Amino acid sequence: MTATIRPKTFAHIVYRSYRFDEMLDWYVKVFDARVQYQSPVIAFVTYDEEHHRIALLNLGIVKGESQEKVPRGAPGVDHVAYGYRSLTELLDKYLELKAKDVLPYWCIHHGITVSLYYADPDGNQMEFQADSYDSNDAANAFMHGPDFELNPIGVEFDPEALIARLRAGESEAALRLRTRHLPVSELRGTLMG
C-alpha cells in the first residue's frame, strides 16, 4: 500500500470583493507586498519570492447586476491553494482521489500553474497546483508577458489526456508550459465581464 500524496506547500488564498482597490491597498500595506499583476478583474500579490500569495477577484466588475446574479457573488474567501512538487505528483494525486470517487470540478492551466479545483461537502473550494516554471523569476516573467495579459484566468484541460501524454513519453517539462492561451475558461470567464 502506498502512502497518500500530500501537498508540499500551502500556496495562496483568493478573496472575492466588491472593494477591490481598497482590499488591494490593504494587503499591499499590511504585508509590505508588491503587486505582481493587476487587471480590472483580478490582482496577484506577493510578499516573498513566490509568484503570488494573495489574489483578489473584483466582484464589482459586473456592473448593474444584483449580488444574487454574480457568480459566487458573496465577498469572502474564494479558495485556498496547495502546491505539489511536480505535475506528475499532481496527476498522481488526481488518480488517488479519483479512486476514492473524489473528482475535481475544474481543471485549468493558469499559465503559472496547472491546477485542479475541488470542493468539500460544505462547498469550500481548494486548488491543488503544480508550478509551470522551475523558478519564480520565470513565472513572474510569464505574468508580465502578453500571453498572461491575454488570458490571466486560464485554459481548461482534461487530466486524463495529460496522464496519457505523460505515459506516452512526453516530458513533464513540456506539458507544464501553457502553449495555448485561448479560449478563456467558460466557468470563470464570466468574471471577466
Protein backbone atom coordinates (compact mmCIF):
# COMPACT_ATOMS: atom_id res chain seq x y z
CA MET A 1 0.00 0.00 0.00
CA THR A 2 1.35 3.41 -0.96
CA ALA A 3 1.23 6.45 1.25
CA THR A 4 -1.15 9.23 0.38
CA ILE A 5 0.25 12.15 -1.61
CA ARG A 6 0.38 15.29 0.50
CA PRO A 7 0.95 18.86 -0.69
CA LYS A 8 4.41 20.38 -0.47
CA THR A 9 3.17 23.86 0.42
CA PHE A 10 0.23 25.99 1.32
CA ALA A 11 0.44 28.18 -1.78
CA HIS A 12 -2.06 31.07 -1.72
CA ILE A 13 -5.51 32.34 -0.83
CA VAL A 14 -8.02 34.10 -3.09
CA TYR A 15 -10.61 36.62 -1.88
CA ARG A 16 -13.74 37.90 -3.67
CA SER A 17 -14.53 41.56 -3.00
CA TYR A 18 -16.66 44.50 -4.07
CA ARG A 19 -13.92 46.73 -2.54
CA PHE A 20 -11.21 45.65 -4.95
CA ASP A 21 -8.96 48.75 -4.79
CA GLU A 22 -9.36 49.13 -1.04
CA MET A 23 -8.57 45.44 -0.47
CA LEU A 24 -5.55 45.60 -2.78
CA ASP A 25 -4.17 48.66 -0.97
CA TRP A 26 -4.75 46.99 2.41
CA TYR A 27 -2.94 43.74 1.55
CA VAL A 28 -0.02 45.57 -0.04
CA LYS A 29 0.30 47.78 3.05
CA VAL A 30 -0.19 45.08 5.70
CA PHE A 31 2.21 42.56 4.16
CA ASP A 32 4.63 45.12 2.67
CA ALA A 33 3.82 43.29 -0.54
CA ARG A 34 4.07 44.05 -4.23
CA VAL A 35 1.52 43.65 -6.98
CA GLN A 36 2.72 41.06 -9.48
CA TYR A 37 -0.16 41.53 -11.92
CA GLN A 38 -3.33 43.60 -11.94
CA SER A 39 -6.26 43.96 -14.30
CA PRO A 40 -9.73 45.35 -13.62
CA VAL A 41 -10.84 41.79 -12.74
CA ILE A 42 -8.02 40.25 -10.75
CA ALA A 43 -4.84 41.14 -8.88
CA PHE A 44 -1.98 38.90 -7.74
CA VAL A 45 0.08 39.99 -4.73
CA THR A 46 3.19 38.52 -3.13
CA TYR A 47 5.29 39.28 -0.09
CA ASP A 48 8.13 36.85 -0.86
CA GLU A 49 9.73 35.13 -3.86
CA GLU A 50 6.52 33.27 -4.80
CA HIS A 51 4.62 34.46 -7.89
CA HIS A 52 1.57 35.13 -5.69
CA ARG A 53 0.39 34.51 -2.14
CA ILE A 54 -2.85 36.51 -2.28
CA ALA A 55 -5.21 37.06 -5.19
CA LEU A 56 -8.22 39.34 -5.28
CA LEU A 57 -11.25 38.92 -7.55
CA ASN A 58 -13.18 42.10 -8.31
CA LEU A 59 -16.88 41.35 -7.91
CA GLY A 60 -17.68 44.97 -8.76
CA ILE A 61 -16.64 44.45 -12.38
CA VAL A 62 -20.09 43.02 -13.14
CA LYS A 63 -21.95 46.32 -13.38
CA GLY A 64 -25.68 46.59 -12.95
CA GLU A 65 -26.12 43.02 -11.70
CA SER A 66 -27.58 42.17 -8.34
CA GLN A 67 -25.37 40.24 -5.96
CA GLU A 68 -27.53 37.15 -6.47
CA LYS A 69 -26.75 37.12 -10.20
CA VAL A 70 -23.00 37.45 -9.80
CA PRO A 71 -21.22 34.08 -9.90
CA ARG A 72 -20.30 33.16 -6.34
CA GLY A 73 -21.33 36.74 -5.57
CA ALA A 74 -20.72 36.99 -1.85
CA PRO A 75 -17.48 38.62 -0.75
CA GLY A 76 -15.13 36.35 1.19
CA VAL A 77 -12.71 33.51 0.61
CA ASP A 78 -12.93 32.09 -2.89
CA HIS A 79 -10.42 29.25 -2.39
CA VAL A 80 -7.19 28.18 -0.75
CA ALA A 81 -4.38 26.58 -2.74
CA TYR A 82 -1.93 23.78 -2.02
CA GLY A 83 1.24 23.22 -4.04
CA TYR A 84 2.52 19.84 -5.18
CA ARG A 85 6.13 19.02 -6.05
CA SER A 86 5.56 18.27 -9.74
CA LEU A 87 2.94 17.83 -12.44
CA THR A 88 3.39 14.06 -12.13
CA GLU A 89 2.68 14.23 -8.40
CA LEU A 90 -0.38 16.42 -9.00
CA LEU A 91 -1.73 13.93 -11.54
CA ASP A 92 -0.96 11.03 -9.21
CA LYS A 93 -3.00 12.85 -6.55
CA TYR A 94 -5.82 13.19 -9.09
CA LEU A 95 -5.74 9.41 -9.66
CA GLU A 96 -5.57 8.73 -5.91
CA LEU A 97 -8.66 10.86 -5.30
CA LYS A 98 -10.48 9.54 -8.37
CA ALA A 99 -10.10 6.03 -6.93
CA LYS A 100 -11.94 7.37 -3.85
CA ASP A 101 -14.70 8.91 -6.03
CA VAL A 102 -13.45 12.45 -5.45
CA LEU A 103 -13.22 14.41 -8.70
CA PRO A 104 -12.21 18.00 -9.44
CA TYR A 105 -14.94 20.37 -10.58
CA TRP A 106 -12.49 22.49 -12.62
CA CYS A 107 -9.18 21.61 -14.32
CA ILE A 108 -7.40 24.71 -15.57
CA HIS A 109 -3.97 25.65 -16.81
CA HIS A 110 -3.43 29.16 -15.44
CA GLY A 111 -0.09 29.59 -17.20
CA ILE A 112 1.87 29.89 -13.96
CA THR A 113 0.30 26.72 -12.53
CA VAL A 114 -1.51 23.61 -13.68
CA SER A 115 -4.45 23.38 -11.30
CA LEU A 116 -7.22 21.05 -10.16
CA TYR A 117 -10.08 22.55 -8.13
CA TYR A 118 -12.04 20.51 -5.60
CA ALA A 119 -14.94 21.35 -3.26
CA ASP A 120 -15.58 19.80 0.14
CA PRO A 121 -19.09 18.75 1.25
CA ASP A 122 -19.80 22.31 2.52
CA GLY A 123 -18.70 23.80 -0.82
CA ASN A 124 -15.38 25.17 0.39
CA GLN A 125 -13.10 25.31 -2.63
CA MET A 126 -9.46 24.32 -2.82
CA GLU A 127 -6.90 24.38 -5.59
CA PHE A 128 -4.26 21.68 -5.95
CA GLN A 129 -1.50 23.02 -8.17
CA ALA A 130 1.85 22.27 -9.73
CA ASP A 131 4.09 25.13 -10.82
CA SER A 132 4.56 25.54 -14.55
CA TYR A 133 8.04 27.02 -14.24
CA ASP A 134 11.19 25.88 -12.48
CA SER A 135 11.80 29.30 -10.96
CA ASN A 136 9.69 32.12 -9.61
CA ASP A 137 11.60 34.54 -11.85
CA ALA A 138 10.37 32.62 -14.91
CA ALA A 139 6.79 32.53 -13.55
CA ASN A 140 6.93 36.25 -12.82
CA ALA A 141 8.21 36.91 -16.35
CA PHE A 142 5.23 34.96 -17.76
CA MET A 143 2.86 37.01 -15.57
CA HIS A 144 4.27 40.21 -17.08
CA GLY A 145 4.08 38.92 -20.66
CA PRO A 146 1.45 39.20 -23.38
CA ASP A 147 0.07 35.65 -23.01
CA PHE A 148 -0.92 36.21 -19.37
CA GLU A 149 -2.33 39.63 -20.24
CA LEU A 150 -4.43 37.96 -22.94
CA ASN A 151 -5.71 35.33 -20.51
CA PRO A 152 -4.93 35.61 -16.78
CA ILE A 153 -7.71 33.10 -15.94
CA GLY A 154 -6.58 30.08 -17.91
CA VAL A 155 -7.45 27.31 -20.35
CA GLU A 156 -9.34 24.21 -19.24
CA PHE A 157 -7.76 20.77 -19.75
CA ASP A 158 -8.57 17.10 -19.30
CA PRO A 159 -6.33 15.49 -16.65
CA GLU A 160 -6.83 12.07 -18.28
CA ALA A 161 -5.38 13.45 -21.52
CA LEU A 162 -2.33 14.83 -19.67
CA ILE A 163 -1.81 11.48 -17.94
CA ALA A 164 -1.99 9.69 -21.30
CA ARG A 165 0.54 12.11 -22.81
CA LEU A 166 2.94 11.59 -19.88
CA ARG A 167 2.59 7.82 -20.15
CA ALA A 168 3.23 8.06 -23.91
CA GLY A 169 6.61 9.63 -23.17
CA GLU A 170 6.05 13.39 -23.42
CA SER A 171 8.22 15.26 -20.98
CA GLU A 172 6.70 16.81 -17.90
CA ALA A 173 8.68 19.99 -18.61
CA ALA A 174 6.88 20.40 -21.95
CA LEU A 175 3.44 19.63 -20.52
CA ARG A 176 3.79 22.14 -17.69
CA LEU A 177 4.00 25.12 -20.06
CA ARG A 178 0.80 26.69 -21.36
CA THR A 179 1.18 26.78 -25.12
CA ARG A 180 -2.48 27.53 -25.87
CA HIS A 181 -3.85 30.73 -24.37
CA LEU A 182 -7.43 30.73 -25.68
CA PRO A 183 -10.24 30.17 -25.06
CA VAL A 184 -10.59 31.68 -21.62
CA SER A 185 -12.31 29.18 -19.35
CA GLU A 186 -16.09 29.49 -19.58
CA LEU A 187 -16.64 28.50 -15.94
CA ARG A 188 -14.91 31.56 -14.54
CA GLY A 189 -14.80 33.63 -17.70
CA THR A 190 -17.99 35.38 -16.58
CA LEU A 191 -15.91 37.28 -14.05
CA MET A 192 -14.07 38.89 -16.94
CA GLY A 193 -17.16 40.85 -18.00
